C-alpha atoms as a PDB file:
ATOM      1  CA  MET A   1     -67.902-113.312 126.096  1.00  0.00           C
ATOM      2  CA  ILE A   2     -69.871-111.879 123.101  1.00  0.00           C
ATOM      3  CA  TYR A   3     -66.194-111.050 122.145  1.00  0.00           C
ATOM      4  CA  ALA A   4     -64.948-114.219 121.882  1.00  0.00           C
ATOM      5  CA  PHE A   5     -67.683-115.499 120.153  1.00  0.00           C
ATOM      6  CA  VAL A   6     -67.767-112.949 117.332  1.00  0.00           C
ATOM      7  CA  LEU A   7     -63.842-113.623 117.058  1.00  0.00           C
ATOM      8  CA  PHE A   8     -65.076-117.367 116.785  1.00  0.00           C
ATOM      9  CA  ILE A   9     -67.380-116.382 114.127  1.00  0.00           C
ATOM     10  CA  LEU A  10     -65.064-114.298 112.168  1.00  0.00           C
ATOM     11  CA  ALA A  11     -62.344-116.960 112.773  1.00  0.00           C
ATOM     12  CA  GLY A  12     -64.730-119.476 111.132  1.00  0.00           C
ATOM     13  CA  LEU A  13     -65.960-117.953 108.345  1.00  0.00           C
ATOM     14  CA  ALA A  14     -62.470-117.307 107.297  1.00  0.00           C
ATOM     15  CA  GLU A  15     -60.837-120.982 108.037  1.00  0.00           C
ATOM     16  CA  ILE A  16     -64.522-122.310 106.187  1.00  0.00           C
ATOM     17  CA  GLY A  17     -64.473-120.260 103.530  1.00  0.00           C
ATOM     18  CA  GLY A  18     -60.576-120.410 102.528  1.00  0.00           C
ATOM     19  CA  GLY A  19     -60.826-124.229 102.497  1.00  0.00           C
ATOM     20  CA  TYR A  20     -63.903-124.115 100.590  1.00  0.00           C
ATOM     21  CA  LEU A  21     -62.063-121.876  97.762  1.00  0.00           C
ATOM     22  CA  ILE A  22     -59.515-124.118  97.762  1.00  0.00           C
ATOM     23  CA  TRP A  23     -61.894-127.272  97.380  1.00  0.00           C
ATOM     24  CA  LEU A  24     -63.792-125.570  94.492  1.00  0.00           C
ATOM     25  CA  TRP A  25     -60.255-125.016  92.610  1.00  0.00           C
ATOM     26  CA  LEU A  26     -58.785-128.449  93.217  1.00  0.00           C
ATOM     27  CA  ARG A  27     -61.698-130.203  93.060  1.00  0.00           C
ATOM     28  CA  GLU A  28     -64.509-128.721  90.773  1.00  0.00           C
ATOM     29  CA  GLY A  29     -62.022-126.880  88.105  1.00  0.00           C
ATOM     30  CA  LYS A  30     -62.383-123.244  89.571  1.00  0.00           C
ATOM     31  CA  PRO A  31     -59.454-120.718  87.955  1.00  0.00           C
ATOM     32  CA  PHE A  32     -56.441-120.801  90.347  1.00  0.00           C
ATOM     33  CA  TYR A  33     -56.728-117.180  91.781  1.00  0.00           C
ATOM     34  CA  TRP A  34     -59.602-119.126  93.995  1.00  0.00           C
ATOM     35  CA  GLY A  35     -57.336-121.110  95.695  1.00  0.00           C
ATOM     36  CA  ILE A  36     -55.360-118.189  96.192  1.00  0.00           C
ATOM     37  CA  PHE A  37     -57.676-115.972  97.897  1.00  0.00           C
ATOM     38  CA  GLY A  38     -58.363-119.323  99.958  1.00  0.00           C
ATOM     39  CA  GLY A  39     -55.009-119.652 100.815  1.00  0.00           C
ATOM     40  CA  ILE A  40     -55.263-115.637 102.005  1.00  0.00           C
ATOM     41  CA  ALA A  41     -58.446-116.561 103.589  1.00  0.00           C
ATOM     42  CA  LEU A  42     -56.778-119.189 105.924  1.00  0.00           C
ATOM     43  CA  ALA A  43     -53.903-117.010 106.653  1.00  0.00           C
ATOM     44  CA  LEU A  44     -56.282-114.417 107.931  1.00  0.00           C
ATOM     45  CA  TYR A  45     -57.915-116.964 110.339  1.00  0.00           C
ATOM     46  CA  GLY A  46     -54.774-117.672 111.945  1.00  0.00           C
ATOM     47  CA  ILE A  47     -54.437-114.233 112.559  1.00  0.00           C
ATOM     48  CA  VAL A  48     -58.000-113.353 113.530  1.00  0.00           C
ATOM     49  CA  ALA A  49     -57.776-116.236 116.580  1.00  0.00           C
ATOM     50  CA  THR A  50     -54.932-114.615 118.111  1.00  0.00           C
ATOM     51  CA  PHE A  51     -57.079-111.783 119.178  1.00  0.00           C
ATOM     52  CA  GLN A  52     -58.877-113.904 121.959  1.00  0.00           C
ATOM     53  CA  SER A  53     -58.262-112.912 125.232  1.00  0.00           C
ATOM     54  CA  PHE A  54     -57.913-116.513 126.326  1.00  0.00           C
ATOM     55  CA  PRO A  55     -54.454-117.473 128.178  1.00  0.00           C
ATOM     56  CA  SER A  56     -54.475-121.059 126.950  1.00  0.00           C
ATOM     57  CA  PHE A  57     -53.902-121.852 123.284  1.00  0.00           C
ATOM     58  CA  GLY A  58     -55.005-124.966 123.759  1.00  0.00           C
ATOM     59  CA  ARG A  59     -58.410-124.115 125.348  1.00  0.00           C
ATOM     60  CA  VAL A  60     -59.112-121.456 122.931  1.00  0.00           C
ATOM     61  CA  TYR A  61     -58.754-123.822 119.868  1.00  0.00           C
ATOM     62  CA  ALA A  62     -60.717-126.538 121.894  1.00  0.00           C
ATOM     63  CA  ALA A  63     -63.610-124.600 122.139  1.00  0.00           C
ATOM     64  CA  TYR A  64     -63.052-122.768 118.692  1.00  0.00           C
ATOM     65  CA  GLY A  65     -63.247-126.448 117.220  1.00  0.00           C
ATOM     66  CA  GLY A  66     -66.878-126.814 118.538  1.00  0.00           C
ATOM     67  CA  VAL A  67     -67.902-123.499 116.970  1.00  0.00           C
ATOM     68  CA  PHE A  68     -66.584-124.293 113.840  1.00  0.00           C
ATOM     69  CA  ILE A  69     -68.351-127.737 113.670  1.00  0.00           C
ATOM     70  CA  VAL A  70     -71.693-125.740 113.851  1.00  0.00           C
ATOM     71  CA  LEU A  71     -70.138-123.115 111.542  1.00  0.00           C
ATOM     72  CA  SER A  72     -69.525-126.227 109.101  1.00  0.00           C
ATOM     73  CA  VAL A  73     -72.925-127.616 109.259  1.00  0.00           C
ATOM     74  CA  LEU A  74     -74.539-123.923 108.495  1.00  0.00           C
ATOM     75  CA  TRP A  75     -72.102-123.726 105.900  1.00  0.00           C
ATOM     76  CA  GLY A  76     -73.157-126.941 104.282  1.00  0.00           C
ATOM     77  CA  TRP A  77     -76.780-125.743 104.427  1.00  0.00           C
ATOM     78  CA  GLY A  78     -76.442-122.117 103.511  1.00  0.00           C
ATOM     79  CA  VAL A  79     -73.515-122.330 100.691  1.00  0.00           C
ATOM     80  CA  ASP A  80     -73.627-126.026  99.952  1.00  0.00           C
ATOM     81  CA  LYS A  81     -76.978-126.839 100.009  1.00  0.00           C
ATOM     82  CA  LYS A  82     -76.964-129.825 101.796  1.00  0.00           C
ATOM     83  CA  ALA A  83     -79.705-129.478 104.450  1.00  0.00           C
ATOM     84  CA  PRO A  84     -78.422-131.164 107.986  1.00  0.00           C
ATOM     85  CA  ASP A  85     -80.226-133.950 109.484  1.00  0.00           C
ATOM     86  CA  LEU A  86     -81.171-134.782 113.003  1.00  0.00           C
ATOM     87  CA  TYR A  87     -77.648-136.265 113.412  1.00  0.00           C
ATOM     88  CA  ASP A  88     -76.174-133.248 112.296  1.00  0.00           C
ATOM     89  CA  TRP A  89     -78.073-130.924 114.760  1.00  0.00           C
ATOM     90  CA  VAL A  90     -77.658-133.484 117.608  1.00  0.00           C
ATOM     91  CA  GLY A  91     -73.749-133.377 116.814  1.00  0.00           C
ATOM     92  CA  ALA A  92     -73.290-129.807 116.287  1.00  0.00           C
ATOM     93  CA  GLY A  93     -75.375-129.113 120.155  1.00  0.00           C
ATOM     94  CA  ILE A  94     -73.253-131.827 121.894  1.00  0.00           C
ATOM     95  CA  CYS A  95     -70.323-129.690 120.757  1.00  0.00           C
ATOM     96  CA  LEU A  96     -71.560-126.613 121.767  1.00  0.00           C
ATOM     97  CA  ILE A  97     -71.868-127.852 124.884  1.00  0.00           C
ATOM     98  CA  GLY A  98     -68.529-128.744 125.046  1.00  0.00           C
ATOM     99  CA  VAL A  99     -67.685-125.449 124.151  1.00  0.00           C
ATOM    100  CA  ALA A 100     -69.487-124.016 127.163  1.00  0.00           C
ATOM    101  CA  VAL A 101     -67.879-126.763 129.266  1.00  0.00           C
ATOM    102  CA  ILE A 102     -64.096-125.715 127.892  1.00  0.00           C
ATOM    103  CA  LEU A 103     -65.060-121.993 128.546  1.00  0.00           C
ATOM    104  CA  ALA A 104     -66.325-122.237 131.896  1.00  0.00           C
ATOM    105  CA  PRO A 105     -64.877-119.667 134.424  1.00  0.00           C
ATOM    106  CA  ARG A 106     -62.423-121.539 136.581  1.00  0.00           C
ATOM    107  CA  GLN A 107     -60.826-120.439 139.864  1.00  0.00           C
END
């Protein structure tokens, strides 16, 4: 499970970081190569996610979605300097509960 979580974190950082670089390029006038690096990061996100050992694509991506939401809240706080409020934290917690349910062992 630790391996899966590390892969979720790496995929999330690549996806959020890539999207953020493209955001900065297109919305805040950063140089075009920021967008290129963002695209590369997004491609790496797609590759990293394939290293998951779960047999179901849909289940992996559903669980990853919850981790992505939590990472996005943390990214906004740490990088964008937008402090999360109570609703952000409650929503992120609900998402993590969903991740635990989706990844729970099945018979």
